[in-house]
Amino acid sequence: MTLGRSCPLSYRYGPQALAKAPLRQAHTLYVVGGLYGNVPALDALDQLLAQEPGPVTMCFNGDFNWFNVDAAMLREVNTRVLQHDAIAGNVEAELCTALDDAGCGCAYPESVGAEVVARSNRIHARLKAALHQHPDLRECLSALPMHARYEVSGLRVAVVHGDAESLAGWGFDHSALTELHNDAWLARMFEEAQVDVFASSHTCVPVLKQHTHGVVINNGAAGMPNFSGRRQGLITRISSVPSPQALYGVVKAGVHLQALPLVYDAARWEQDFLTQWPSGSDAHVSYFTRIQGQLGFEPEQALA
């Protein structure tokens, strides 16, 4: 098994498992993927919740840990996240294993360079060492499910981290969803999972795909910029009542599926990051330009 590239067998569940998952009711559903340890983003989420006209169910769909190796930030992020619904991402799943044979557990495709994969494995190793000082948090994380299912105004939503088959699957990546040959696979996933929507993250690139059988919406990252020049995160909002703040979205069966900007304190987050990952560190090399909003991706490109 190649560290950081292979997908452990334990990650695989298949769409039939999603069909059997308990169906939770939600008036408005926030799906928050890829927080990556960003405490100011949690504050911004609290502000969004306070503006909502009705009750909100918030589900963190994995990788809410990553850069938060500082002991206080590690505890704050997990304490606040676990007050809500949450499922495991590959980061959390590998934090709780005794072995390190999967590295970060990202199951990176070959298109991602070996040096990026190696840095991710080292980032995860440092985070895992930090978590060993918090056995209570590790116990809570080890109990997280790999998926969840909700009903929002009659619309059935499967919340996953990766894709319909695996916790670290890349089937809901932007590049995969823009390839026409995936349509038959998508149709089968919707039918076997018995859902109308898949909400995911994992690949760190936002995408919204309308299919004849349903919708796939990937929020990219809540804790990092997703679009050029926008130093803000992105979350998925699903509700019969639309949000005027959405960057883009679609309506299915009267329910609005929207990508909502998460406007956190970017300067504070940059300082938090640099305190833990100074220049030359693995996370700084891999992520600092993105944290500064230097990436060549626009909102209209997210529409597959």
Protein backbone atom coordinates (compact mmCIF):
# COMPACT_ATOMS: atom_id res chain seq x y z
CA MET A 1 0.00 0.00 0.00
CA THR A 2 1.40 3.40 -1.05
CA LEU A 3 1.17 5.92 1.76
CA GLY A 4 -1.42 8.57 0.92
CA ARG A 5 -2.50 7.00 -2.39
CA SER A 6 -4.24 3.76 -1.47
CA CYS A 7 -7.79 3.51 -0.11
CA PRO A 8 -8.07 1.16 2.89
CA LEU A 9 -10.69 -1.57 2.60
CA SER A 10 -12.32 -0.24 5.76
CA TYR A 11 -13.24 2.96 3.90
CA ARG A 12 -15.52 1.16 1.45
CA TYR A 13 -19.26 1.05 2.14
CA GLY A 14 -21.07 1.22 -1.21
CA PRO A 15 -24.35 2.93 -2.13
CA GLN A 16 -26.45 0.15 -0.59
CA ALA A 17 -25.16 1.14 2.84
CA LEU A 18 -26.34 4.70 2.22
CA ALA A 19 -29.83 3.43 1.38
CA LYS A 20 -29.97 1.69 4.76
CA ALA A 21 -28.72 4.65 6.81
CA PRO A 22 -31.24 6.22 9.23
CA LEU A 23 -33.14 9.10 7.63
CA ARG A 24 -32.82 12.25 9.75
CA GLN A 25 -35.21 15.16 9.26
CA ALA A 26 -33.85 18.67 8.68
CA HIS A 27 -35.56 21.99 7.95
CA THR A 28 -32.36 23.57 6.65
CA LEU A 29 -29.16 21.53 6.28
CA TYR A 30 -25.63 22.92 6.31
CA VAL A 31 -22.96 20.52 5.01
CA VAL A 32 -19.53 21.70 6.13
CA GLY A 33 -16.64 19.82 4.56
CA GLY A 34 -12.95 20.61 4.84
CA LEU A 35 -12.85 22.96 7.82
CA TYR A 36 -9.17 22.01 8.19
CA GLY A 37 -8.85 23.34 11.72
CA ASN A 38 -9.90 26.91 10.91
CA VAL A 39 -11.27 28.40 14.16
CA PRO A 40 -12.34 31.74 12.59
CA ALA A 41 -14.43 29.72 10.13
CA LEU A 42 -16.28 28.18 13.08
CA ASP A 43 -17.01 31.71 14.32
CA ALA A 44 -18.32 32.62 10.87
CA LEU A 45 -20.60 29.57 10.94
CA ASP A 46 -22.05 30.75 14.24
CA GLN A 47 -22.81 34.10 12.61
CA LEU A 48 -24.53 32.41 9.66
CA LEU A 49 -26.66 30.33 12.00
CA ALA A 50 -27.75 33.43 13.87
CA GLN A 51 -29.04 34.92 10.59
CA GLU A 52 -31.15 31.91 9.61
CA PRO A 53 -34.96 32.37 9.84
CA GLY A 54 -35.57 28.78 10.96
CA PRO A 55 -33.85 25.79 12.58
CA VAL A 56 -30.62 24.54 11.02
CA THR A 57 -29.01 21.12 11.17
CA MET A 58 -25.26 21.29 10.64
CA CYS A 59 -23.27 18.25 9.52
CA PHE A 60 -19.49 18.40 9.36
CA ASN A 61 -18.63 15.87 6.68
CA GLY A 62 -15.03 15.19 7.55
CA ASP A 63 -11.55 16.73 7.51
CA PHE A 64 -12.49 19.29 10.12
CA ASN A 65 -8.98 18.66 11.47
CA TRP A 66 -5.76 19.28 9.55
CA PHE A 67 -3.73 22.40 10.36
CA ASN A 68 -4.77 22.56 14.05
CA VAL A 69 -1.74 20.90 15.63
CA ASP A 70 -1.64 23.42 18.48
CA ALA A 71 -3.08 21.73 21.58
CA ALA A 72 -5.61 24.46 22.37
CA MET A 73 -6.80 24.73 18.77
CA LEU A 74 -7.04 20.97 18.43
CA ARG A 75 -9.32 20.82 21.44
CA GLU A 76 -11.38 23.86 20.48
CA VAL A 77 -12.06 22.68 16.93
CA ASN A 78 -13.15 19.20 17.95
CA THR A 79 -15.18 20.33 20.96
CA ARG A 80 -17.14 22.81 18.86
CA VAL A 81 -17.60 20.52 15.86
CA LEU A 82 -18.78 17.56 17.92
CA GLN A 83 -21.65 19.63 19.31
CA HIS A 84 -23.22 19.11 15.87
CA ASP A 85 -23.69 16.15 13.53
CA ALA A 86 -20.40 14.90 12.11
CA ILE A 87 -19.00 12.12 9.99
CA ALA A 88 -15.38 11.09 9.58
CA GLY A 89 -13.14 12.23 6.79
CA ASN A 90 -9.95 10.42 5.92
CA VAL A 91 -8.09 12.76 8.30
CA GLU A 92 -10.20 11.69 11.28
CA ALA A 93 -10.28 8.03 10.22
CA GLU A 94 -6.49 7.81 10.08
CA LEU A 95 -6.05 9.77 13.30
CA CYS A 96 -7.75 6.92 15.12
CA THR A 97 -5.86 3.96 13.64
CA ALA A 98 -3.00 2.23 15.41
CA LEU A 99 -1.11 1.82 12.13
CA ASP A 100 0.26 4.39 9.70
CA ASP A 101 0.10 2.24 6.56
CA ALA A 102 -2.37 4.56 4.77
CA GLY A 103 -0.60 7.83 5.60
CA CYS A 104 -3.10 10.68 5.42
CA GLY A 105 -5.70 8.34 3.86
CA CYS A 106 -6.45 10.79 1.03
CA ALA A 107 -6.16 8.13 -1.71
CA TYR A 108 -4.66 10.78 -3.99
CA PRO A 109 -4.90 10.03 -7.74
CA GLU A 110 -1.73 9.83 -9.85
CA SER A 111 -2.38 13.36 -11.11
CA VAL A 112 -1.25 14.66 -7.70
CA GLY A 113 2.53 14.86 -7.44
CA ALA A 114 4.51 12.58 -5.13
CA GLU A 115 5.95 15.53 -3.20
CA VAL A 116 2.43 16.78 -2.37
CA VAL A 117 1.45 13.33 -1.13
CA ALA A 118 4.60 13.06 0.99
CA ARG A 119 3.97 16.44 2.60
CA SER A 120 0.37 15.47 3.39
CA ASN A 121 1.56 12.28 5.06
CA ARG A 122 3.96 14.27 7.24
CA ILE A 123 1.28 16.85 8.11
CA HIS A 124 -1.02 14.05 9.19
CA ALA A 125 1.71 12.36 11.24
CA ARG A 126 2.27 15.58 13.20
CA LEU A 127 -1.48 15.99 13.78
CA LYS A 128 -1.78 12.38 14.89
CA ALA A 129 1.04 12.84 17.40
CA ALA A 130 -0.74 15.93 18.77
CA LEU A 131 -4.01 14.01 19.17
CA HIS A 132 -2.29 11.37 21.31
CA GLN A 133 -2.28 13.98 24.08
CA HIS A 134 -6.11 14.08 23.93
CA PRO A 135 -7.37 10.49 24.40
CA ASP A 136 -10.93 11.67 25.04
CA LEU A 137 -11.06 13.42 21.66
CA ARG A 138 -9.58 10.39 19.95
CA GLU A 139 -12.30 8.23 21.46
CA CYS A 140 -15.00 10.56 20.15
CA LEU A 141 -13.48 10.69 16.68
CA SER A 142 -13.16 6.92 16.48
CA ALA A 143 -16.93 6.61 16.98
CA LEU A 144 -17.86 8.83 14.01
CA PRO A 145 -19.83 7.22 11.15
CA MET A 146 -18.63 7.41 7.53
CA HIS A 147 -21.87 8.78 6.09
CA ALA A 148 -25.28 10.20 7.02
CA ARG A 149 -28.67 10.57 5.34
CA TYR A 150 -31.16 13.42 5.70
CA GLU A 151 -34.56 14.41 4.38
CA VAL A 152 -35.10 18.11 3.64
CA SER A 153 -38.66 18.95 2.56
CA GLY A 154 -39.03 15.51 0.99
CA LEU A 155 -35.61 15.54 -0.71
CA ARG A 156 -33.32 12.68 0.36
CA VAL A 157 -29.71 13.74 0.87
CA ALA A 158 -26.72 11.45 1.36
CA VAL A 159 -23.87 13.23 3.14
CA VAL A 160 -20.52 11.61 2.46
CA HIS A 161 -16.92 12.66 2.67
CA GLY A 162 -15.62 11.12 -0.56
CA ASP A 163 -18.15 9.60 -2.90
CA ALA A 164 -21.03 7.09 -2.98
CA GLU A 165 -18.73 4.08 -2.65
CA SER A 166 -15.89 5.07 -0.34
CA LEU A 167 -14.89 7.54 2.34
CA ALA A 168 -11.86 8.58 0.26
CA GLY A 169 -13.38 8.06 -3.21
CA TRP A 170 -12.72 10.65 -5.92
CA GLY A 171 -15.88 10.01 -7.96
CA PHE A 172 -17.29 13.40 -6.91
CA ASP A 173 -14.18 15.33 -7.85
CA HIS A 174 -14.64 18.24 -10.27
CA SER A 175 -12.66 16.51 -13.02
CA ALA A 176 -14.60 13.25 -12.63
CA LEU A 177 -18.01 14.93 -12.70
CA THR A 178 -17.20 16.85 -15.88
CA GLU A 179 -16.43 13.60 -17.77
CA LEU A 180 -19.46 12.31 -19.67
CA HIS A 181 -18.52 8.64 -19.28
CA ASN A 182 -19.32 8.90 -15.55
CA ASP A 183 -23.05 9.41 -16.19
CA ALA A 184 -23.91 5.69 -16.12
CA TRP A 185 -22.00 5.24 -12.86
CA LEU A 186 -23.75 8.28 -11.36
CA ALA A 187 -27.17 6.95 -12.35
CA ARG A 188 -26.42 3.65 -10.63
CA MET A 189 -25.19 5.41 -7.49
CA PHE A 190 -28.38 7.47 -7.18
CA GLU A 191 -30.59 4.43 -7.76
CA GLU A 192 -28.78 2.10 -5.36
CA ALA A 193 -28.35 4.73 -2.62
CA GLN A 194 -32.02 5.74 -3.00
CA VAL A 195 -31.24 9.44 -2.64
CA ASP A 196 -31.82 12.58 -4.68
CA VAL A 197 -28.66 14.42 -3.65
CA PHE A 198 -25.07 13.58 -2.76
CA ALA A 199 -23.29 16.22 -0.67
CA SER A 200 -19.53 15.70 -0.40
CA SER A 201 -16.16 17.45 -0.05
CA HIS A 202 -12.78 15.55 0.19
CA THR A 203 -11.29 16.67 -3.14
CA CYS A 204 -11.01 20.32 -2.03
CA VAL A 205 -12.44 21.63 -5.33
CA PRO A 206 -16.10 22.78 -5.40
CA VAL A 207 -18.46 21.40 -8.01
CA LEU A 208 -22.20 21.27 -8.66
CA LYS A 209 -23.43 18.58 -11.05
CA GLN A 210 -27.03 18.21 -12.22
CA HIS A 211 -27.86 14.71 -13.40
CA THR A 212 -31.10 13.19 -14.64
CA HIS A 213 -31.26 11.13 -11.44
CA GLY A 214 -30.18 13.81 -8.95
CA VAL A 215 -27.62 16.41 -7.93
CA VAL A 216 -24.07 16.17 -6.65
CA ILE A 217 -22.77 19.16 -4.71
CA ASN A 218 -19.21 19.31 -3.39
CA ASN A 219 -18.42 22.33 -1.24
CA GLY A 220 -14.66 22.18 -1.77
CA ALA A 221 -13.40 23.59 1.52
CA ALA A 222 -15.07 25.48 4.35
CA GLY A 223 -11.75 26.44 5.91
CA MET A 224 -9.78 27.58 2.86
CA PRO A 225 -10.39 29.79 -0.18
CA ASN A 226 -12.00 28.08 -3.17
CA PHE A 227 -12.03 30.83 -5.79
CA SER A 228 -9.49 33.30 -7.10
CA GLY A 229 -9.14 36.38 -4.89
CA ARG A 230 -11.86 35.29 -2.44
CA ARG A 231 -10.35 34.65 0.98
CA GLN A 232 -13.38 32.81 2.28
CA GLY A 233 -14.60 29.25 2.61
CA LEU A 234 -17.61 27.55 1.08
CA ILE A 235 -20.38 25.40 2.54
CA THR A 236 -23.42 23.62 1.13
CA ARG A 237 -26.85 24.86 2.19
CA ILE A 238 -29.98 22.80 1.46
CA SER A 239 -33.40 24.25 2.26
CA SER A 240 -36.84 24.98 0.85
CA VAL A 241 -36.12 28.64 1.71
CA PRO A 242 -33.27 30.08 -0.41
CA SER A 243 -30.40 32.16 0.92
CA PRO A 244 -29.73 35.51 -0.79
CA GLN A 245 -26.02 35.09 -0.01
CA ALA A 246 -25.45 32.08 -2.26
CA LEU A 247 -22.79 32.21 -4.98
CA TYR A 248 -24.63 29.65 -7.11
CA GLY A 249 -27.12 26.83 -6.79
CA VAL A 250 -29.95 24.80 -8.30
CA VAL A 251 -33.51 23.95 -7.31
CA LYS A 252 -34.68 20.34 -7.18
CA ALA A 253 -38.25 19.41 -6.23
CA GLY A 254 -38.71 22.84 -4.66
CA VAL A 255 -35.57 22.56 -2.52
CA HIS A 256 -32.64 24.94 -3.00
CA LEU A 257 -29.15 23.45 -3.12
CA GLN A 258 -26.72 26.35 -2.76
CA ALA A 259 -23.04 27.08 -2.33
CA LEU A 260 -22.80 29.60 0.49
CA PRO A 261 -19.64 31.68 1.09
CA LEU A 262 -18.18 31.39 4.57
CA VAL A 263 -16.68 34.81 5.27
CA TYR A 264 -14.22 34.24 8.10
CA ASP A 265 -11.55 36.58 9.49
CA ALA A 266 -8.88 35.84 6.88
CA ALA A 267 -6.13 37.84 8.57
CA ARG A 268 -6.65 36.04 11.87
CA TRP A 269 -6.73 32.66 10.14
CA GLU A 270 -3.49 33.44 8.30
CA GLN A 271 -1.82 34.31 11.60
CA ASP A 272 -3.17 31.15 13.27
CA PHE A 273 -1.79 29.13 10.37
CA LEU A 274 1.65 30.76 10.41
CA THR A 275 1.94 30.24 14.17
CA GLN A 276 1.57 26.49 13.64
CA TRP A 277 3.10 26.13 10.17
CA PRO A 278 5.83 28.75 9.55
CA SER A 279 7.56 29.32 6.23
CA GLY A 280 9.29 26.18 4.98
CA SER A 281 7.04 23.77 6.86
CA ASP A 282 5.13 21.10 4.95
CA ALA A 283 1.72 22.76 5.29
CA HIS A 284 3.15 26.14 4.37
CA VAL A 285 4.70 24.80 1.17
CA SER A 286 1.50 22.98 0.16
CA TYR A 287 -1.19 25.42 1.24
CA PHE A 288 -0.07 28.95 2.07
CA THR A 289 -0.65 30.43 -1.39
CA ARG A 290 -4.18 29.00 -1.35
CA ILE A 291 -4.83 30.41 2.12
CA GLN A 292 -3.88 33.80 0.66
CA GLY A 293 -6.47 33.31 -2.09
CA GLN A 294 -3.96 32.67 -4.86
CA LEU A 295 -5.69 30.04 -6.98
CA GLY A 296 -7.01 30.07 -10.51
CA PHE A 297 -10.58 28.87 -10.13
CA GLU A 298 -13.79 30.86 -10.58
CA PRO A 299 -17.36 30.19 -9.32
CA GLU A 300 -18.70 29.53 -12.84
CA GLN A 301 -16.14 26.73 -13.23
CA ALA A 302 -17.79 24.87 -10.35
CA LEU A 303 -20.89 24.28 -12.45
CA ALA A 304 -20.25 20.93 -14.13
